Amino acid sequence: MERLTEELMKLGYTVDTAVGRQHGVVVIRSFPVQIGRHAGKVLDVGIPGNDFPFTPPAGVHFRPELAPNGANNVNPSPLGPGWQYWSRRLTDWRIDRSARHIISYVNKVLLDA
């Protein structure tokens, strides 16, 4: 998680590892949504990163909730009340195993949200 935290901080994000440490999640605080129907919102984004950069995240945690739980692979998150887990596949991990690629992935999930 340390490497993912460092890479995200170099990209200018405020990172909190305490919230998701027991779940292997790095949390970006106050992530500004710039695209899609949620543009203008500010979210906390949890990224599974326990073994970064070896395994791609299998989904993203968002707070506040953006959609109904139980539909389209969106479920309550183990991070606690107000969090959702969106199960989404990250493609091209073999080509680019970087935090920048993960941010692009988060933006794609939000664009399709």
N, C-alpha and C. Protein backbone atom coordinates (compact mmCIF):
# COMPACT_ATOMS: atom_id res chain seq x y z
N MET A 1 0.82 -1.19 0.00
CA MET A 1 0.00 0.00 0.00
C MET A 1 0.86 1.26 0.00
N GLU A 2 2.07 1.14 0.50
CA GLU A 2 2.93 2.31 0.57
C GLU A 2 3.28 2.85 -0.81
N ARG A 3 3.55 1.95 -1.75
CA ARG A 3 3.92 2.39 -3.09
C ARG A 3 2.75 3.09 -3.78
N LEU A 4 1.56 2.53 -3.66
CA LEU A 4 0.39 3.17 -4.26
C LEU A 4 0.15 4.52 -3.61
N THR A 5 0.27 4.59 -2.29
CA THR A 5 0.11 5.86 -1.58
C THR A 5 1.08 6.90 -2.10
N GLU A 6 2.35 6.53 -2.24
CA GLU A 6 3.37 7.45 -2.73
C GLU A 6 3.06 7.94 -4.14
N GLU A 7 2.68 7.03 -5.03
CA GLU A 7 2.38 7.41 -6.40
C GLU A 7 1.17 8.35 -6.47
N LEU A 8 0.14 8.07 -5.68
CA LEU A 8 -1.03 8.94 -5.67
C LEU A 8 -0.70 10.32 -5.14
N MET A 9 0.14 10.38 -4.11
CA MET A 9 0.54 11.67 -3.55
C MET A 9 1.36 12.47 -4.56
N LYS A 10 2.21 11.79 -5.32
CA LYS A 10 2.98 12.47 -6.36
C LYS A 10 2.07 13.05 -7.44
N LEU A 11 0.91 12.44 -7.62
CA LEU A 11 -0.07 12.96 -8.58
C LEU A 11 -0.90 14.11 -8.00
N GLY A 12 -0.67 14.41 -6.71
CA GLY A 12 -1.33 15.55 -6.08
C GLY A 12 -2.57 15.22 -5.25
N TYR A 13 -2.83 13.95 -4.99
CA TYR A 13 -4.00 13.56 -4.22
C TYR A 13 -3.69 13.49 -2.73
N THR A 14 -4.70 13.80 -1.93
CA THR A 14 -4.61 13.63 -0.48
C THR A 14 -5.02 12.19 -0.18
N VAL A 15 -4.14 11.47 0.48
CA VAL A 15 -4.33 10.03 0.67
C VAL A 15 -4.42 9.71 2.16
N ASP A 16 -5.34 8.80 2.48
CA ASP A 16 -5.53 8.33 3.84
C ASP A 16 -5.45 6.81 3.83
N THR A 17 -4.51 6.24 4.53
CA THR A 17 -4.39 4.79 4.57
C THR A 17 -5.05 4.22 5.83
N ALA A 18 -5.36 5.05 6.81
CA ALA A 18 -5.91 4.55 8.08
C ALA A 18 -7.31 3.97 7.90
N VAL A 19 -8.15 4.60 7.09
CA VAL A 19 -9.54 4.16 6.94
C VAL A 19 -9.63 2.74 6.41
N GLY A 20 -8.88 2.43 5.38
CA GLY A 20 -9.01 1.13 4.74
C GLY A 20 -7.90 0.15 5.02
N ARG A 21 -7.00 0.46 5.95
CA ARG A 21 -5.84 -0.39 6.19
C ARG A 21 -6.22 -1.85 6.42
N GLN A 22 -7.23 -2.12 7.25
CA GLN A 22 -7.59 -3.51 7.54
C GLN A 22 -8.16 -4.23 6.32
N HIS A 23 -8.59 -3.47 5.31
CA HIS A 23 -9.13 -4.07 4.08
C HIS A 23 -8.17 -3.95 2.91
N GLY A 24 -6.97 -3.42 3.13
CA GLY A 24 -5.99 -3.27 2.06
C GLY A 24 -6.38 -2.21 1.04
N VAL A 25 -7.03 -1.13 1.53
CA VAL A 25 -7.53 -0.08 0.65
C VAL A 25 -6.86 1.25 0.97
N VAL A 26 -6.45 1.95 -0.08
CA VAL A 26 -5.92 3.30 0.04
C VAL A 26 -7.06 4.25 -0.33
N VAL A 27 -7.30 5.27 0.49
CA VAL A 27 -8.41 6.19 0.27
C VAL A 27 -7.89 7.54 -0.20
N ILE A 28 -8.42 7.99 -1.34
CA ILE A 28 -8.18 9.35 -1.81
C ILE A 28 -9.28 10.21 -1.21
N ARG A 29 -8.90 11.23 -0.48
CA ARG A 29 -9.86 12.16 0.11
C ARG A 29 -10.17 13.28 -0.87
N SER A 30 -11.43 13.67 -0.92
CA SER A 30 -11.87 14.83 -1.70
C SER A 30 -11.48 14.74 -3.17
N PHE A 31 -11.82 13.63 -3.79
CA PHE A 31 -11.55 13.42 -5.21
C PHE A 31 -12.58 14.19 -6.03
N PRO A 32 -12.14 15.14 -6.84
CA PRO A 32 -13.10 15.92 -7.64
C PRO A 32 -13.53 15.16 -8.90
N VAL A 33 -14.82 14.94 -9.04
CA VAL A 33 -15.34 14.26 -10.23
C VAL A 33 -15.48 15.31 -11.33
N GLN A 34 -14.81 15.06 -12.45
CA GLN A 34 -14.77 16.06 -13.52
C GLN A 34 -15.54 15.64 -14.77
N ILE A 35 -16.03 14.39 -14.79
CA ILE A 35 -16.72 13.90 -15.98
C ILE A 35 -17.97 13.13 -15.60
N GLY A 36 -18.85 12.94 -16.56
CA GLY A 36 -20.04 12.14 -16.34
C GLY A 36 -21.12 12.88 -15.58
N ARG A 37 -22.16 12.14 -15.26
CA ARG A 37 -23.31 12.77 -14.61
C ARG A 37 -23.04 13.17 -13.16
N HIS A 38 -21.93 12.72 -12.61
CA HIS A 38 -21.57 13.10 -11.24
C HIS A 38 -20.53 14.23 -11.22
N ALA A 39 -20.26 14.83 -12.38
CA ALA A 39 -19.29 15.93 -12.46
C ALA A 39 -19.68 17.02 -11.47
N GLY A 40 -18.67 17.56 -10.81
CA GLY A 40 -18.88 18.60 -9.82
C GLY A 40 -18.97 18.07 -8.40
N LYS A 41 -19.18 16.77 -8.24
CA LYS A 41 -19.22 16.18 -6.91
C LYS A 41 -17.79 15.94 -6.42
N VAL A 42 -17.66 15.87 -5.11
CA VAL A 42 -16.38 15.54 -4.49
C VAL A 42 -16.60 14.28 -3.67
N LEU A 43 -15.79 13.26 -3.94
CA LEU A 43 -15.95 11.95 -3.32
C LEU A 43 -14.70 11.53 -2.58
N ASP A 44 -14.87 10.59 -1.69
CA ASP A 44 -13.74 9.81 -1.19
C ASP A 44 -13.72 8.55 -2.04
N VAL A 45 -12.54 8.14 -2.48
CA VAL A 45 -12.39 6.99 -3.36
C VAL A 45 -11.43 6.00 -2.71
N GLY A 46 -11.89 4.78 -2.53
CA GLY A 46 -11.05 3.73 -1.97
C GLY A 46 -10.56 2.82 -3.08
N ILE A 47 -9.26 2.59 -3.10
CA ILE A 47 -8.64 1.76 -4.13
C ILE A 47 -7.92 0.59 -3.46
N PRO A 48 -8.36 -0.63 -3.77
CA PRO A 48 -7.63 -1.78 -3.25
C PRO A 48 -6.18 -1.75 -3.74
N GLY A 49 -5.24 -1.80 -2.82
CA GLY A 49 -3.84 -1.67 -3.22
C GLY A 49 -2.90 -2.46 -2.35
N ASN A 50 -3.40 -3.51 -1.76
CA ASN A 50 -2.59 -4.29 -0.83
C ASN A 50 -1.34 -4.87 -1.47
N ASP A 51 -1.44 -5.24 -2.74
CA ASP A 51 -0.27 -5.81 -3.41
C ASP A 51 0.08 -5.06 -4.70
N PHE A 52 -0.23 -3.76 -4.71
CA PHE A 52 0.14 -2.90 -5.83
C PHE A 52 1.65 -2.94 -6.01
N PRO A 53 2.16 -3.08 -7.20
CA PRO A 53 1.53 -3.04 -8.52
C PRO A 53 1.30 -4.41 -9.15
N PHE A 54 1.28 -5.46 -8.36
CA PHE A 54 1.20 -6.80 -8.92
C PHE A 54 -0.20 -7.19 -9.41
N THR A 55 -1.21 -6.82 -8.64
CA THR A 55 -2.57 -7.19 -8.98
C THR A 55 -3.41 -5.93 -9.19
N PRO A 56 -4.19 -5.88 -10.27
CA PRO A 56 -5.03 -4.69 -10.48
C PRO A 56 -6.20 -4.68 -9.50
N PRO A 57 -6.69 -3.51 -9.15
CA PRO A 57 -7.88 -3.47 -8.31
C PRO A 57 -9.07 -4.09 -9.06
N ALA A 58 -9.90 -4.83 -8.33
CA ALA A 58 -11.06 -5.47 -8.94
C ALA A 58 -12.30 -4.60 -8.84
N GLY A 59 -12.14 -3.44 -8.26
CA GLY A 59 -13.26 -2.52 -8.09
C GLY A 59 -12.82 -1.29 -7.34
N VAL A 60 -13.78 -0.42 -7.08
CA VAL A 60 -13.51 0.86 -6.42
C VAL A 60 -14.57 1.09 -5.35
N HIS A 61 -14.16 1.67 -4.24
CA HIS A 61 -15.08 2.07 -3.17
C HIS A 61 -15.34 3.57 -3.31
N PHE A 62 -16.62 3.98 -3.20
CA PHE A 62 -16.98 5.39 -3.26
C PHE A 62 -17.77 5.79 -2.03
N ARG A 63 -17.53 7.01 -1.58
CA ARG A 63 -18.34 7.64 -0.55
C ARG A 63 -18.51 9.09 -0.92
N PRO A 64 -19.72 9.61 -1.00
CA PRO A 64 -20.99 9.00 -0.65
C PRO A 64 -21.47 8.03 -1.74
N GLU A 65 -22.54 7.34 -1.43
CA GLU A 65 -23.12 6.38 -2.36
C GLU A 65 -23.62 7.11 -3.61
N LEU A 66 -23.42 6.47 -4.76
CA LEU A 66 -23.79 7.09 -6.04
C LEU A 66 -24.93 6.38 -6.75
N ALA A 67 -25.27 5.17 -6.33
CA ALA A 67 -26.29 4.37 -7.02
C ALA A 67 -26.93 3.43 -6.01
N PRO A 68 -28.07 2.85 -6.38
CA PRO A 68 -28.69 1.88 -5.47
C PRO A 68 -27.81 0.63 -5.30
N ASN A 69 -27.73 0.15 -4.09
CA ASN A 69 -27.01 -1.10 -3.84
C ASN A 69 -27.77 -2.27 -4.43
N GLY A 70 -27.02 -3.27 -4.88
CA GLY A 70 -27.63 -4.49 -5.37
C GLY A 70 -27.84 -4.54 -6.87
N ALA A 71 -27.55 -3.47 -7.58
CA ALA A 71 -27.71 -3.45 -9.03
C ALA A 71 -26.37 -3.15 -9.69
N ASN A 72 -26.14 -3.77 -10.84
CA ASN A 72 -24.94 -3.49 -11.64
C ASN A 72 -23.64 -3.66 -10.87
N ASN A 73 -23.56 -4.69 -10.05
CA ASN A 73 -22.36 -4.97 -9.28
C ASN A 73 -21.95 -3.84 -8.34
N VAL A 74 -22.95 -3.17 -7.78
CA VAL A 74 -22.73 -2.13 -6.78
C VAL A 74 -23.29 -2.66 -5.46
N ASN A 75 -22.44 -2.67 -4.42
CA ASN A 75 -22.83 -3.25 -3.14
C ASN A 75 -22.29 -2.42 -1.98
N PRO A 76 -22.83 -2.63 -0.79
CA PRO A 76 -22.25 -1.96 0.38
C PRO A 76 -20.77 -2.34 0.52
N SER A 77 -19.98 -1.40 0.94
CA SER A 77 -18.54 -1.62 1.09
C SER A 77 -18.21 -2.03 2.53
N PRO A 78 -17.20 -2.84 2.70
CA PRO A 78 -16.76 -3.17 4.06
C PRO A 78 -16.09 -1.99 4.77
N LEU A 79 -15.89 -0.88 4.05
CA LEU A 79 -15.27 0.29 4.67
C LEU A 79 -16.20 0.99 5.65
N GLY A 80 -17.50 0.66 5.59
CA GLY A 80 -18.42 1.22 6.57
C GLY A 80 -19.60 1.94 5.97
N PRO A 81 -20.42 2.53 6.84
CA PRO A 81 -21.63 3.22 6.39
C PRO A 81 -21.30 4.35 5.41
N GLY A 82 -22.14 4.47 4.39
CA GLY A 82 -21.96 5.54 3.41
C GLY A 82 -21.04 5.17 2.26
N TRP A 83 -20.34 4.05 2.37
CA TRP A 83 -19.42 3.60 1.33
C TRP A 83 -20.11 2.55 0.44
N GLN A 84 -19.76 2.56 -0.85
CA GLN A 84 -20.19 1.53 -1.78
C GLN A 84 -18.98 0.93 -2.47
N TYR A 85 -19.12 -0.34 -2.82
CA TYR A 85 -18.09 -1.01 -3.60
C TYR A 85 -18.65 -1.27 -4.99
N TRP A 86 -17.95 -0.76 -6.00
CA TRP A 86 -18.32 -0.95 -7.40
C TRP A 86 -17.34 -1.95 -8.00
N SER A 87 -17.82 -3.14 -8.29
CA SER A 87 -16.98 -4.17 -8.90
C SER A 87 -16.87 -3.88 -10.39
N ARG A 88 -15.66 -3.51 -10.81
CA ARG A 88 -15.40 -3.18 -12.21
C ARG A 88 -14.01 -3.66 -12.58
N ARG A 89 -13.87 -4.16 -13.77
CA ARG A 89 -12.59 -4.70 -14.24
C ARG A 89 -11.69 -3.58 -14.78
N LEU A 90 -10.44 -3.61 -14.38
CA LEU A 90 -9.43 -2.70 -14.92
C LEU A 90 -8.69 -3.43 -16.03
N THR A 91 -8.72 -2.88 -17.23
CA THR A 91 -8.08 -3.53 -18.37
C THR A 91 -6.66 -3.01 -18.58
N ASP A 92 -5.91 -3.72 -19.37
CA ASP A 92 -4.55 -3.32 -19.77
C ASP A 92 -3.57 -3.19 -18.62
N TRP A 93 -3.77 -3.95 -17.55
CA TRP A 93 -2.86 -3.86 -16.40
C TRP A 93 -1.45 -4.31 -16.76
N ARG A 94 -1.33 -5.25 -17.66
CA ARG A 94 0.01 -5.73 -18.05
C ARG A 94 0.81 -4.64 -18.75
N ILE A 95 0.13 -3.72 -19.38
CA ILE A 95 0.79 -2.65 -20.14
C ILE A 95 1.18 -1.48 -19.23
N ASP A 96 0.30 -1.15 -18.25
CA ASP A 96 0.54 0.03 -17.41
C ASP A 96 0.09 -0.27 -15.99
N ARG A 97 1.06 -0.44 -15.11
CA ARG A 97 0.79 -0.75 -13.70
C ARG A 97 1.11 0.46 -12.82
N SER A 98 0.42 1.56 -13.08
CA SER A 98 0.73 2.80 -12.37
C SER A 98 -0.51 3.38 -11.69
N ALA A 99 -0.26 4.26 -10.75
CA ALA A 99 -1.36 4.98 -10.10
C ALA A 99 -2.09 5.85 -11.12
N ARG A 100 -1.38 6.39 -12.08
CA ARG A 100 -2.01 7.20 -13.13
C ARG A 100 -3.05 6.37 -13.90
N HIS A 101 -2.71 5.12 -14.19
CA HIS A 101 -3.65 4.22 -14.86
C HIS A 101 -4.87 3.94 -13.97
N ILE A 102 -4.65 3.80 -12.69
CA ILE A 102 -5.76 3.58 -11.76
C ILE A 102 -6.68 4.79 -11.73
N ILE A 103 -6.13 5.99 -11.76
CA ILE A 103 -6.97 7.20 -11.78
C ILE A 103 -7.79 7.24 -13.07
N SER A 104 -7.21 6.85 -14.19
CA SER A 104 -7.97 6.78 -15.44
C SER A 104 -9.12 5.78 -15.31
N TYR A 105 -8.84 4.67 -14.65
CA TYR A 105 -9.83 3.64 -14.40
C TYR A 105 -10.96 4.18 -13.52
N VAL A 106 -10.62 4.89 -12.46
CA VAL A 106 -11.63 5.49 -11.58
C VAL A 106 -12.51 6.44 -12.40
N ASN A 107 -11.89 7.27 -13.22
CA ASN A 107 -12.65 8.20 -14.06
C ASN A 107 -13.57 7.47 -15.04
N LYS A 108 -13.11 6.35 -15.58
CA LYS A 108 -13.96 5.57 -16.50
C LYS A 108 -15.15 4.99 -15.75
N VAL A 109 -14.93 4.49 -14.54
CA VAL A 109 -16.04 3.96 -13.73
C VAL A 109 -17.05 5.08 -13.47
N LEU A 110 -16.54 6.27 -13.12
CA LEU A 110 -17.44 7.39 -12.85
C LEU A 110 -18.16 7.86 -14.11
N LEU A 111 -17.51 7.79 -15.24
CA LEU A 111 -18.14 8.19 -16.50
C LEU A 111 -19.32 7.28 -16.82
N ASP A 112 -19.16 6.00 -16.52
CA ASP A 112 -20.19 5.01 -16.81
C ASP A 112 -21.23 4.90 -15.68
N ALA A 113 -20.98 5.60 -14.57
CA ALA A 113 -21.86 5.48 -13.39
C ALA A 113 -23.22 6.11 -13.63
